[in-house]
C-alpha atoms as a PDB file:
ATOM      1  CA  MET A   1      -1.503  -4.919  31.500  1.00  0.00           C
ATOM      2  CA  ASN A   2      -4.130  -2.667  29.930  1.00  0.00           C
ATOM      3  CA  VAL A   3      -3.680  -2.107  26.212  1.00  0.00           C
ATOM      4  CA  SER A   4      -6.193  -0.124  24.171  1.00  0.00           C
ATOM      5  CA  SER A   5      -7.682  -1.497  20.958  1.00  0.00           C
ATOM      6  CA  ASP A   6      -5.960   1.333  19.025  1.00  0.00           C
ATOM      7  CA  GLU A   7      -2.587   0.253  20.401  1.00  0.00           C
ATOM      8  CA  ILE A   8      -3.291  -3.359  19.445  1.00  0.00           C
ATOM      9  CA  LYS A   9      -4.255  -2.366  15.887  1.00  0.00           C
ATOM     10  CA  LYS A  10      -0.960  -0.509  15.498  1.00  0.00           C
ATOM     11  CA  ILE A  11       0.910  -3.663  16.491  1.00  0.00           C
ATOM     12  CA  ILE A  12      -0.900  -6.384  14.537  1.00  0.00           C
ATOM     13  CA  GLY A  13      -1.960  -4.641  11.330  1.00  0.00           C
ATOM     14  CA  VAL A  14      -4.305  -6.178   8.761  1.00  0.00           C
ATOM     15  CA  GLN A  15      -3.765  -7.762   5.332  1.00  0.00           C
ATOM     16  CA  LEU A  16      -7.047  -8.101   3.447  1.00  0.00           C
ATOM     17  CA  GLN A  17      -7.638 -10.707   0.743  1.00  0.00           C
ATOM     18  CA  THR A  18      -8.809  -8.044  -1.712  1.00  0.00           C
ATOM     19  CA  SER A  19      -7.971  -4.372  -1.920  1.00  0.00           C
ATOM     20  CA  GLY A  20     -10.102  -1.456  -3.033  1.00  0.00           C
ATOM     21  CA  PHE A  21      -7.601   0.596  -5.013  1.00  0.00           C
ATOM     22  CA  TYR A  22      -8.786   3.356  -7.337  1.00  0.00           C
ATOM     23  CA  PRO A  23      -8.638   1.683 -10.771  1.00  0.00           C
ATOM     24  CA  SER A  24      -7.699   4.817 -12.737  1.00  0.00           C
ATOM     25  CA  LEU A  25      -4.540   5.555 -10.694  1.00  0.00           C
ATOM     26  CA  ASN A  26      -1.116   3.992 -11.189  1.00  0.00           C
ATOM     27  CA  LEU A  27       0.951   2.686  -8.278  1.00  0.00           C
ATOM     28  CA  LEU A  28       2.896   5.931  -7.811  1.00  0.00           C
ATOM     29  CA  GLU A  29      -0.336   7.915  -7.704  1.00  0.00           C
ATOM     30  CA  LEU A  30      -1.913   5.480  -5.247  1.00  0.00           C
ATOM     31  CA  ILE A  31       1.046   5.751  -2.878  1.00  0.00           C
ATOM     32  CA  ASP A  32       0.885   9.550  -3.051  1.00  0.00           C
ATOM     33  CA  LEU A  33      -2.854   9.423  -2.363  1.00  0.00           C
ATOM     34  CA  PHE A  34      -2.571   7.156   0.677  1.00  0.00           C
ATOM     35  CA  ALA A  35       0.457   9.023   2.032  1.00  0.00           C
ATOM     36  CA  GLY A  36      -1.598  12.214   1.840  1.00  0.00           C
ATOM     37  CA  LEU A  37      -4.474  10.604   3.712  1.00  0.00           C
ATOM     38  CA  TYR A  38      -2.070   9.798   6.554  1.00  0.00           C
ATOM     39  CA  ASN A  39      -0.301  13.166   6.221  1.00  0.00           C
ATOM     40  CA  GLN A  40       3.017  11.426   5.543  1.00  0.00           C
ATOM     41  CA  GLN A  41       5.869  12.309   3.204  1.00  0.00           C
ATOM     42  CA  VAL A  42       7.137   9.189   1.417  1.00  0.00           C
ATOM     43  CA  ASP A  43       9.268   8.271  -1.563  1.00  0.00           C
ATOM     44  CA  PRO A  44       6.891   6.143  -3.668  1.00  0.00           C
ATOM     45  CA  ARG A  45       9.680   4.588  -5.745  1.00  0.00           C
ATOM     46  CA  GLU A  46      11.574   3.561  -2.612  1.00  0.00           C
ATOM     47  CA  LEU A  47       8.462   1.882  -1.204  1.00  0.00           C
ATOM     48  CA  LEU A  48       7.928   0.038  -4.493  1.00  0.00           C
ATOM     49  CA  ARG A  49      11.584  -1.034  -4.473  1.00  0.00           C
ATOM     50  CA  LYS A  50      11.154  -2.524  -0.992  1.00  0.00           C
ATOM     51  CA  VAL A  51       8.372  -4.806  -2.248  1.00  0.00           C
ATOM     52  CA  ASN A  52      10.092  -5.528  -5.581  1.00  0.00           C
ATOM     53  CA  LEU A  53       7.540  -3.616  -7.680  1.00  0.00           C
ATOM     54  CA  GLU A  54       9.612  -0.662  -8.866  1.00  0.00           C
ATOM     55  CA  ASP A  55       9.263  -1.806 -12.497  1.00  0.00           C
ATOM     56  CA  LYS A  56       5.452  -1.619 -12.112  1.00  0.00           C
ATOM     57  CA  ALA A  57       5.391   2.021 -10.936  1.00  0.00           C
ATOM     58  CA  LYS A  58       3.322   3.266 -13.884  1.00  0.00           C
ATOM     59  CA  ASN A  59       0.977   0.257 -13.922  1.00  0.00           C
ATOM     60  CA  LYS A  60      -2.539   0.361 -12.573  1.00  0.00           C
ATOM     61  CA  SER A  61      -3.341  -2.090  -9.781  1.00  0.00           C
ATOM     62  CA  LYS A  62      -5.669  -4.097 -12.048  1.00  0.00           C
ATOM     63  CA  GLU A  63      -2.624  -4.938 -14.211  1.00  0.00           C
ATOM     64  CA  LEU A  64      -0.801  -6.639 -11.319  1.00  0.00           C
ATOM     65  CA  SER A  65      -0.850 -10.345 -10.549  1.00  0.00           C
ATOM     66  CA  GLY A  66      -2.498 -11.508  -7.320  1.00  0.00           C
ATOM     67  CA  GLY A  67       0.848 -11.778  -5.536  1.00  0.00           C
ATOM     68  CA  GLN A  68       1.946  -8.358  -6.757  1.00  0.00           C
ATOM     69  CA  LYS A  69      -1.302  -6.861  -5.464  1.00  0.00           C
ATOM     70  CA  GLN A  70      -0.678  -8.426  -2.050  1.00  0.00           C
ATOM     71  CA  ARG A  71       2.874  -7.036  -1.948  1.00  0.00           C
ATOM     72  CA  PHE A  72       1.644  -3.610  -3.030  1.00  0.00           C
ATOM     73  CA  SER A  73      -1.076  -3.538  -0.391  1.00  0.00           C
ATOM     74  CA  ILE A  74       1.574  -3.919   2.322  1.00  0.00           C
END
């Protein structure tokens, strides 16, 4: 079975220890930014709800705990 490295990356994904979020943007703005980079339409509040961070929507990433940052980076 021949599988390309691009196909493997789509399957396994990556979760980094630290994330390089733009410090001046809140979580809603960051989701909009990254969705735009991937040319995707998303509902930022729905994504935050899925990782139990909806109440942090207007917070900047530096205001999140370590665990919250990990959940957000997903």
